[in-house]
Amino acid sequence: MRVIRSALYMALVVLYTPPYVLLLLCFFWLPAKQRRRLAMPWVHIAMALIRHVLGIRHRVLGAENIPAGPCVILAKHQSAWETIALQVIFPDTIFVLKKELHWLPFFGWALAMMPFIAINRAAGKDALRQVAKQGKTRLGEGYRVIIFPEGTRVGPGEKLPFKGGGAFLAARSGVPVSPVALNSGECWRRQAFLKTPGLVTVSIGPAIDPAGLSVEDINSRAEAWIEAEMRHISPQYYGQENAPACAAS
């Protein structure tokens, strides 16, 4: 059954994405904010397919902690699921992403039309300055900026050191940081074709006010909260339970 669900989901995404992107390209002349809004129906269709075809549902804990205005969202990154779902959970979002994604047929072309922050990850400090400059502009335009501080997807129970780009942006801009823990990798493994029906938990922590804090303090507070919360929503990967949380559909 997982094979059928996964194959059907992939087939439907492949079928509806190219015509949607071609239609979106016809509106290249619109302001960036309007182009961003035009992309959201694609997101909602994808979420409907994830729920009804793949059988992956989600719940949000701590929704009351979402800042009312612009903020920097530092989120755990386990799969492609959150690149779709966080756009629904957090309104008016943009991502910091690697520039190479723009070269992907159709999907990458759509990304290039969005007011996302595309960086060359090999550029080191230049990439950090680019995030700070463009991110401050986007925050000023009213967006929420999503950054995956580990820099890549990590498996359930695993972690990588948090990079300071998101904390640096928050410190420079004076906007709060919203820490997010999630366990999407239990249903949607990294680079895995097969998806497992189940429930993804997204937990949003209290916003971190950057006032009076160093970049290191902001980053360490976000990391500490996220990693502690991961032990609550995925205890089985930290030696506390035996059954995977995503087993129940």
C-alpha atoms as a PDB file:
ATOM      1  CA  MET A   1       0.000   0.000   0.000  1.00  0.00           C
ATOM      2  CA  ARG A   2       2.869   2.405   0.778  1.00  0.00           C
ATOM      3  CA  VAL A   3       4.268   1.810  -2.687  1.00  0.00           C
ATOM      4  CA  ILE A   4       0.933   2.648  -4.334  1.00  0.00           C
ATOM      5  CA  ARG A   5       0.425   5.760  -2.198  1.00  0.00           C
ATOM      6  CA  SER A   6       3.953   7.014  -2.813  1.00  0.00           C
ATOM      7  CA  ALA A   7       3.848   6.349  -6.553  1.00  0.00           C
ATOM      8  CA  LEU A   8       0.453   8.027  -6.925  1.00  0.00           C
ATOM      9  CA  TYR A   9       1.600  11.081  -4.978  1.00  0.00           C
ATOM     10  CA  MET A  10       4.716  11.442  -7.103  1.00  0.00           C
ATOM     11  CA  ALA A  11       2.751  10.982 -10.337  1.00  0.00           C
ATOM     12  CA  LEU A  12       0.217  13.649  -9.367  1.00  0.00           C
ATOM     13  CA  VAL A  13       2.913  16.147  -8.375  1.00  0.00           C
ATOM     14  CA  VAL A  14       4.728  15.545 -11.663  1.00  0.00           C
ATOM     15  CA  LEU A  15       1.473  16.009 -13.581  1.00  0.00           C
ATOM     16  CA  TYR A  16       0.264  19.243 -12.025  1.00  0.00           C
ATOM     17  CA  THR A  17       3.568  21.058 -11.367  1.00  0.00           C
ATOM     18  CA  PRO A  18       4.703  21.824 -14.969  1.00  0.00           C
ATOM     19  CA  PRO A  19       1.408  23.426 -16.128  1.00  0.00           C
ATOM     20  CA  TYR A  20       1.140  25.317 -12.851  1.00  0.00           C
ATOM     21  CA  VAL A  21       4.667  26.706 -13.211  1.00  0.00           C
ATOM     22  CA  LEU A  22       4.111  27.630 -16.862  1.00  0.00           C
ATOM     23  CA  LEU A  23       0.991  29.534 -15.830  1.00  0.00           C
ATOM     24  CA  LEU A  24       2.916  31.219 -13.025  1.00  0.00           C
ATOM     25  CA  LEU A  25       5.649  32.288 -15.455  1.00  0.00           C
ATOM     26  CA  CYS A  26       3.025  34.229 -17.404  1.00  0.00           C
ATOM     27  CA  PHE A  27       2.762  36.554 -14.419  1.00  0.00           C
ATOM     28  CA  PHE A  28       6.474  37.403 -14.206  1.00  0.00           C
ATOM     29  CA  TRP A  29       5.576  41.097 -14.516  1.00  0.00           C
ATOM     30  CA  LEU A  30       3.653  41.186 -11.236  1.00  0.00           C
ATOM     31  CA  PRO A  31       5.298  42.510  -8.041  1.00  0.00           C
ATOM     32  CA  ALA A  32       7.145  39.835  -6.056  1.00  0.00           C
ATOM     33  CA  LYS A  33       4.595  39.785  -3.237  1.00  0.00           C
ATOM     34  CA  GLN A  34       1.769  39.010  -5.659  1.00  0.00           C
ATOM     35  CA  ARG A  35       3.822  36.301  -7.381  1.00  0.00           C
ATOM     36  CA  ARG A  36       4.422  34.786  -3.940  1.00  0.00           C
ATOM     37  CA  ARG A  37       0.682  34.666  -3.278  1.00  0.00           C
ATOM     38  CA  LEU A  38       0.032  33.063  -6.657  1.00  0.00           C
ATOM     39  CA  ALA A  39       2.360  30.217  -5.669  1.00  0.00           C
ATOM     40  CA  MET A  40       0.349  29.323  -2.561  1.00  0.00           C
ATOM     41  CA  PRO A  41      -2.384  27.307  -4.338  1.00  0.00           C
ATOM     42  CA  TRP A  42       0.386  24.891  -5.433  1.00  0.00           C
ATOM     43  CA  VAL A  43       1.327  24.530  -1.766  1.00  0.00           C
ATOM     44  CA  HIS A  44      -2.248  23.868  -0.668  1.00  0.00           C
ATOM     45  CA  ILE A  45      -2.713  21.258  -3.414  1.00  0.00           C
ATOM     46  CA  ALA A  46       0.502  19.545  -2.308  1.00  0.00           C
ATOM     47  CA  MET A  47      -0.672  19.523   1.316  1.00  0.00           C
ATOM     48  CA  ALA A  48      -4.006  18.002   0.263  1.00  0.00           C
ATOM     49  CA  LEU A  49      -2.164  15.250  -1.633  1.00  0.00           C
ATOM     50  CA  ILE A  50       0.130  14.629   1.330  1.00  0.00           C
ATOM     51  CA  ARG A  51      -2.865  14.217   3.618  1.00  0.00           C
ATOM     52  CA  HIS A  52      -5.263  12.290   1.400  1.00  0.00           C
ATOM     53  CA  VAL A  53      -2.909  10.307  -0.853  1.00  0.00           C
ATOM     54  CA  LEU A  54       0.103   9.710   1.398  1.00  0.00           C
ATOM     55  CA  GLY A  55      -1.977   9.627   4.579  1.00  0.00           C
ATOM     56  CA  ILE A  56       0.406  11.977   6.392  1.00  0.00           C
ATOM     57  CA  ARG A  57      -1.418  14.282   8.788  1.00  0.00           C
ATOM     58  CA  HIS A  58       0.086  16.876  11.107  1.00  0.00           C
ATOM     59  CA  ARG A  59      -0.605  18.672  14.337  1.00  0.00           C
ATOM     60  CA  VAL A  60       0.787  21.978  15.552  1.00  0.00           C
ATOM     61  CA  LEU A  61       1.754  22.566  19.174  1.00  0.00           C
ATOM     62  CA  GLY A  62       2.413  26.099  20.409  1.00  0.00           C
ATOM     63  CA  ALA A  63       0.665  27.928  17.555  1.00  0.00           C
ATOM     64  CA  GLU A  64       0.018  30.732  20.034  1.00  0.00           C
ATOM     65  CA  ASN A  65       3.782  31.344  20.089  1.00  0.00           C
ATOM     66  CA  ILE A  66       3.906  32.443  16.428  1.00  0.00           C
ATOM     67  CA  PRO A  67       4.972  36.115  16.385  1.00  0.00           C
ATOM     68  CA  ALA A  68       2.340  38.452  14.964  1.00  0.00           C
ATOM     69  CA  GLY A  69       4.762  40.154  12.590  1.00  0.00           C
ATOM     70  CA  PRO A  70       8.045  39.485  10.788  1.00  0.00           C
ATOM     71  CA  CYS A  71      10.375  37.011  12.465  1.00  0.00           C
ATOM     72  CA  VAL A  72      13.169  34.551  11.775  1.00  0.00           C
ATOM     73  CA  ILE A  73      12.019  30.925  11.954  1.00  0.00           C
ATOM     74  CA  LEU A  74      14.752  28.459  12.904  1.00  0.00           C
ATOM     75  CA  ALA A  75      13.401  24.990  12.178  1.00  0.00           C
ATOM     76  CA  LYS A  76      14.546  21.414  12.347  1.00  0.00           C
ATOM     77  CA  HIS A  77      14.928  19.933   8.861  1.00  0.00           C
ATOM     78  CA  GLN A  78      14.270  16.213   8.378  1.00  0.00           C
ATOM     79  CA  SER A  79      12.531  15.999   4.996  1.00  0.00           C
ATOM     80  CA  ALA A  80      10.962  17.885   2.115  1.00  0.00           C
ATOM     81  CA  TRP A  81       7.662  17.852   4.032  1.00  0.00           C
ATOM     82  CA  GLU A  82       8.431  20.974   6.063  1.00  0.00           C
ATOM     83  CA  THR A  83       9.437  22.972   2.983  1.00  0.00           C
ATOM     84  CA  ILE A  84       5.779  22.690   2.014  1.00  0.00           C
ATOM     85  CA  ALA A  85       3.961  22.578   5.354  1.00  0.00           C
ATOM     86  CA  LEU A  86       5.726  25.492   7.055  1.00  0.00           C
ATOM     87  CA  GLN A  87       4.394  27.781   4.333  1.00  0.00           C
ATOM     88  CA  VAL A  88       0.883  26.956   5.535  1.00  0.00           C
ATOM     89  CA  ILE A  89       1.626  27.000   9.273  1.00  0.00           C
ATOM     90  CA  PHE A  90       3.465  30.343   9.090  1.00  0.00           C
ATOM     91  CA  PRO A  91       1.748  32.882   6.796  1.00  0.00           C
ATOM     92  CA  ASP A  92       3.814  35.143   4.509  1.00  0.00           C
ATOM     93  CA  THR A  93       7.019  33.127   4.598  1.00  0.00           C
ATOM     94  CA  ILE A  94      10.104  32.972   2.456  1.00  0.00           C
ATOM     95  CA  PHE A  95      13.026  30.559   2.586  1.00  0.00           C
ATOM     96  CA  VAL A  96      16.780  30.855   2.553  1.00  0.00           C
ATOM     97  CA  LEU A  97      17.808  28.233  -0.006  1.00  0.00           C
ATOM     98  CA  LYS A  98      20.772  27.156  -2.092  1.00  0.00           C
ATOM     99  CA  LYS A  99      21.026  28.896  -5.443  1.00  0.00           C
ATOM    100  CA  GLU A 100      21.526  25.640  -7.351  1.00  0.00           C
ATOM    101  CA  LEU A 101      17.839  24.813  -6.850  1.00  0.00           C
ATOM    102  CA  HIS A 102      16.974  27.459  -9.455  1.00  0.00           C
ATOM    103  CA  TRP A 103      18.347  25.144 -12.155  1.00  0.00           C
ATOM    104  CA  LEU A 104      15.752  22.433 -11.495  1.00  0.00           C
ATOM    105  CA  PRO A 105      13.221  22.209 -14.355  1.00  0.00           C
ATOM    106  CA  PHE A 106       9.855  23.784 -13.562  1.00  0.00           C
ATOM    107  CA  PHE A 107      10.131  23.648  -9.758  1.00  0.00           C
ATOM    108  CA  GLY A 108      13.380  25.614  -9.753  1.00  0.00           C
ATOM    109  CA  TRP A 109      11.992  28.137 -12.235  1.00  0.00           C
ATOM    110  CA  ALA A 110       9.096  28.804  -9.873  1.00  0.00           C
ATOM    111  CA  LEU A 111      11.514  29.246  -6.969  1.00  0.00           C
ATOM    112  CA  ALA A 112      13.441  31.817  -9.004  1.00  0.00           C
ATOM    113  CA  MET A 113      10.263  33.891  -9.339  1.00  0.00           C
ATOM    114  CA  MET A 114       9.757  34.022  -5.581  1.00  0.00           C
ATOM    115  CA  PRO A 115      11.302  36.627  -3.247  1.00  0.00           C
ATOM    116  CA  PHE A 116      13.331  33.854  -1.588  1.00  0.00           C
ATOM    117  CA  ILE A 117      16.935  34.376  -0.505  1.00  0.00           C
ATOM    118  CA  ALA A 118      19.129  32.228  -2.762  1.00  0.00           C
ATOM    119  CA  ILE A 119      22.732  31.854  -1.613  1.00  0.00           C
ATOM    120  CA  ASN A 120      25.916  30.164  -2.725  1.00  0.00           C
ATOM    121  CA  ARG A 121      26.661  27.974   0.290  1.00  0.00           C
ATOM    122  CA  ALA A 122      30.332  27.751  -0.690  1.00  0.00           C
ATOM    123  CA  ALA A 123      30.729  31.523  -0.397  1.00  0.00           C
ATOM    124  CA  GLY A 124      31.336  31.430   3.360  1.00  0.00           C
ATOM    125  CA  LYS A 125      31.132  34.860   4.981  1.00  0.00           C
ATOM    126  CA  ASP A 126      29.856  36.389   1.750  1.00  0.00           C
ATOM    127  CA  ALA A 127      26.817  34.099   1.979  1.00  0.00           C
ATOM    128  CA  LEU A 128      26.255  35.215   5.572  1.00  0.00           C
ATOM    129  CA  ARG A 129      26.349  38.865   4.529  1.00  0.00           C
ATOM    130  CA  GLN A 130      23.952  38.105   1.683  1.00  0.00           C
ATOM    131  CA  VAL A 131      21.487  36.495   4.095  1.00  0.00           C
ATOM    132  CA  ALA A 132      21.733  39.488   6.430  1.00  0.00           C
ATOM    133  CA  LYS A 133      21.283  42.074   3.665  1.00  0.00           C
ATOM    134  CA  GLN A 134      18.480  40.393   1.735  1.00  0.00           C
ATOM    135  CA  GLY A 135      16.869  39.018   4.880  1.00  0.00           C
ATOM    136  CA  LYS A 136      16.644  42.441   6.491  1.00  0.00           C
ATOM    137  CA  THR A 137      14.969  43.746   3.335  1.00  0.00           C
ATOM    138  CA  ARG A 138      12.466  40.881   3.264  1.00  0.00           C
ATOM    139  CA  LEU A 139      11.667  41.292   6.955  1.00  0.00           C
ATOM    140  CA  GLY A 140      11.060  44.980   6.309  1.00  0.00           C
ATOM    141  CA  GLU A 141       8.588  43.959   3.604  1.00  0.00           C
ATOM    142  CA  GLY A 142       6.606  41.978   6.179  1.00  0.00           C
ATOM    143  CA  TYR A 143       7.819  38.435   5.455  1.00  0.00           C
ATOM    144  CA  ARG A 144       8.755  35.740   7.925  1.00  0.00           C
ATOM    145  CA  VAL A 145      12.118  34.186   6.990  1.00  0.00           C
ATOM    146  CA  ILE A 146      12.537  30.408   7.371  1.00  0.00           C
ATOM    147  CA  ILE A 147      16.073  29.118   7.886  1.00  0.00           C
ATOM    148  CA  PHE A 148      17.176  25.542   8.553  1.00  0.00           C
ATOM    149  CA  PRO A 149      20.167  26.181  10.834  1.00  0.00           C
ATOM    150  CA  GLU A 150      21.667  22.713  10.417  1.00  0.00           C
ATOM    151  CA  GLY A 151      22.075  23.514   6.712  1.00  0.00           C
ATOM    152  CA  THR A 152      20.744  20.206   5.407  1.00  0.00           C
ATOM    153  CA  ARG A 153      18.285  17.448   6.213  1.00  0.00           C
ATOM    154  CA  VAL A 154      19.128  15.208   9.164  1.00  0.00           C
ATOM    155  CA  GLY A 155      17.569  11.912  10.138  1.00  0.00           C
ATOM    156  CA  PRO A 156      15.341  11.352  13.185  1.00  0.00           C
ATOM    157  CA  GLY A 157      17.421  11.347  16.359  1.00  0.00           C
ATOM    158  CA  GLU A 158      20.378  12.987  14.620  1.00  0.00           C
ATOM    159  CA  LYS A 159      21.688  16.538  14.790  1.00  0.00           C
ATOM    160  CA  LEU A 160      24.283  18.798  13.246  1.00  0.00           C
ATOM    161  CA  PRO A 161      25.774  21.977  14.740  1.00  0.00           C
ATOM    162  CA  PHE A 162      23.528  24.993  14.273  1.00  0.00           C
ATOM    163  CA  LYS A 163      24.954  27.600  11.922  1.00  0.00           C
ATOM    164  CA  GLY A 164      24.620  31.213  13.018  1.00  0.00           C
ATOM    165  CA  GLY A 165      23.118  32.809   9.894  1.00  0.00           C
ATOM    166  CA  GLY A 166      19.564  32.956  11.233  1.00  0.00           C
ATOM    167  CA  ALA A 167      20.652  34.275  14.625  1.00  0.00           C
ATOM    168  CA  PHE A 168      22.846  36.857  12.892  1.00  0.00           C
ATOM    169  CA  LEU A 169      19.882  38.032  10.807  1.00  0.00           C
ATOM    170  CA  ALA A 170      17.653  38.312  13.877  1.00  0.00           C
ATOM    171  CA  ALA A 171      20.296  40.253  15.794  1.00  0.00           C
ATOM    172  CA  ARG A 172      20.867  42.642  12.893  1.00  0.00           C
ATOM    173  CA  SER A 173      17.151  43.153  12.258  1.00  0.00           C
ATOM    174  CA  GLY A 174      15.867  43.150  15.825  1.00  0.00           C
ATOM    175  CA  VAL A 175      13.052  40.686  15.059  1.00  0.00           C
ATOM    176  CA  PRO A 176      12.177  37.687  17.253  1.00  0.00           C
ATOM    177  CA  VAL A 177      13.318  34.142  16.558  1.00  0.00           C
ATOM    178  CA  SER A 178      10.679  31.420  16.426  1.00  0.00           C
ATOM    179  CA  PRO A 179      12.232  27.978  17.190  1.00  0.00           C
ATOM    180  CA  VAL A 180      10.515  24.975  15.590  1.00  0.00           C
ATOM    181  CA  ALA A 181      10.955  21.279  16.334  1.00  0.00           C
ATOM    182  CA  LEU A 182       9.361  18.648  14.081  1.00  0.00           C
ATOM    183  CA  ASN A 183       9.535  14.932  13.356  1.00  0.00           C
ATOM    184  CA  SER A 184       8.593  14.717   9.675  1.00  0.00           C
ATOM    185  CA  GLY A 185      11.488  12.330   9.017  1.00  0.00           C
ATOM    186  CA  GLU A 186       9.602   9.550  10.759  1.00  0.00           C
ATOM    187  CA  CYS A 187       7.058   9.549   7.926  1.00  0.00           C
ATOM    188  CA  TRP A 188       9.105  11.002   5.086  1.00  0.00           C
ATOM    189  CA  ARG A 189      12.706   9.835   5.148  1.00  0.00           C
ATOM    190  CA  ARG A 190      15.448  11.816   3.480  1.00  0.00           C
ATOM    191  CA  GLN A 191      15.669  11.018  -0.251  1.00  0.00           C
ATOM    192  CA  ALA A 192      13.278   8.088   0.248  1.00  0.00           C
ATOM    193  CA  PHE A 193      10.636   7.257  -2.336  1.00  0.00           C
ATOM    194  CA  LEU A 194       8.415   5.396   0.128  1.00  0.00           C
ATOM    195  CA  LYS A 195       6.436   7.542   2.569  1.00  0.00           C
ATOM    196  CA  THR A 196       4.752   6.192   5.712  1.00  0.00           C
ATOM    197  CA  PRO A 197       1.220   7.282   6.707  1.00  0.00           C
ATOM    198  CA  GLY A 198       1.110   8.834  10.142  1.00  0.00           C
ATOM    199  CA  LEU A 199       1.094  11.981  12.225  1.00  0.00           C
ATOM    200  CA  VAL A 200       3.803  14.645  12.063  1.00  0.00           C
ATOM    201  CA  THR A 201       4.177  16.876  15.099  1.00  0.00           C
ATOM    202  CA  VAL A 202       5.308  20.474  14.656  1.00  0.00           C
ATOM    203  CA  SER A 203       6.120  22.197  17.940  1.00  0.00           C
ATOM    204  CA  ILE A 204       6.670  25.974  18.024  1.00  0.00           C
ATOM    205  CA  GLY A 205       8.537  27.372  20.997  1.00  0.00           C
ATOM    206  CA  PRO A 206       8.282  30.739  22.742  1.00  0.00           C
ATOM    207  CA  ALA A 207       9.765  33.504  20.601  1.00  0.00           C
ATOM    208  CA  ILE A 208      13.296  34.580  21.475  1.00  0.00           C
ATOM    209  CA  ASP A 209      13.716  38.357  21.767  1.00  0.00           C
ATOM    210  CA  PRO A 210      17.180  39.230  20.369  1.00  0.00           C
ATOM    211  CA  ALA A 211      17.434  42.472  22.350  1.00  0.00           C
ATOM    212  CA  GLY A 212      20.603  42.464  24.439  1.00  0.00           C
ATOM    213  CA  LEU A 213      21.666  39.024  23.202  1.00  0.00           C
ATOM    214  CA  SER A 214      24.713  38.128  21.156  1.00  0.00           C
ATOM    215  CA  VAL A 215      24.419  36.059  17.985  1.00  0.00           C
ATOM    216  CA  GLU A 216      25.880  33.112  19.888  1.00  0.00           C
ATOM    217  CA  ASP A 217      23.316  33.494  22.682  1.00  0.00           C
ATOM    218  CA  ILE A 218      20.409  33.615  20.239  1.00  0.00           C
ATOM    219  CA  ASN A 219      21.669  30.594  18.361  1.00  0.00           C
ATOM    220  CA  SER A 220      22.391  28.530  21.479  1.00  0.00           C
ATOM    221  CA  ARG A 221      18.971  29.312  22.995  1.00  0.00           C
ATOM    222  CA  ALA A 222      17.189  28.261  19.812  1.00  0.00           C
ATOM    223  CA  GLU A 223      19.288  25.107  19.517  1.00  0.00           C
ATOM    224  CA  ALA A 224      18.755  24.181  23.163  1.00  0.00           C
ATOM    225  CA  TRP A 225      14.980  24.556  22.931  1.00  0.00           C
ATOM    226  CA  ILE A 226      14.678  22.678  19.632  1.00  0.00           C
ATOM    227  CA  GLU A 227      16.841  19.754  20.706  1.00  0.00           C
ATOM    228  CA  ALA A 228      15.090  19.475  24.093  1.00  0.00           C
ATOM    229  CA  GLU A 229      11.699  19.534  22.360  1.00  0.00           C
ATOM    230  CA  MET A 230      12.804  16.839  19.925  1.00  0.00           C
ATOM    231  CA  ARG A 231      13.135  14.521  22.924  1.00  0.00           C
ATOM    232  CA  HIS A 232       9.499  15.201  23.781  1.00  0.00           C
ATOM    233  CA  ILE A 233       8.001  14.668  20.323  1.00  0.00           C
ATOM    234  CA  SER A 234      10.329  11.809  19.268  1.00  0.00           C
ATOM    235  CA  PRO A 235      11.309  10.135  22.556  1.00  0.00           C
ATOM    236  CA  GLN A 236      11.835   6.752  20.892  1.00  0.00           C
ATOM    237  CA  TYR A 237      14.935   8.096  19.126  1.00  0.00           C
ATOM    238  CA  TYR A 238      16.497   9.186  22.406  1.00  0.00           C
ATOM    239  CA  GLY A 239      16.192   5.913  24.308  1.00  0.00           C
ATOM    240  CA  GLN A 240      12.907   6.781  26.030  1.00  0.00           C
ATOM    241  CA  GLU A 241      10.302   4.774  24.038  1.00  0.00           C
ATOM    242  CA  ASN A 242      10.178   1.823  21.663  1.00  0.00           C
ATOM    243  CA  ALA A 243       7.468   2.554  19.084  1.00  0.00           C
ATOM    244  CA  PRO A 244       7.957   5.123  16.314  1.00  0.00           C
ATOM    245  CA  ALA A 245       5.608   8.105  16.674  1.00  0.00           C
ATOM    246  CA  CYS A 246       4.615   8.027  13.019  1.00  0.00           C
ATOM    247  CA  ALA A 247       3.362   4.436  13.069  1.00  0.00           C
ATOM    248  CA  ALA A 248      -0.258   5.322  13.756  1.00  0.00           C
ATOM    249  CA  SER A 249      -2.246   6.643  10.841  1.00  0.00           C
END
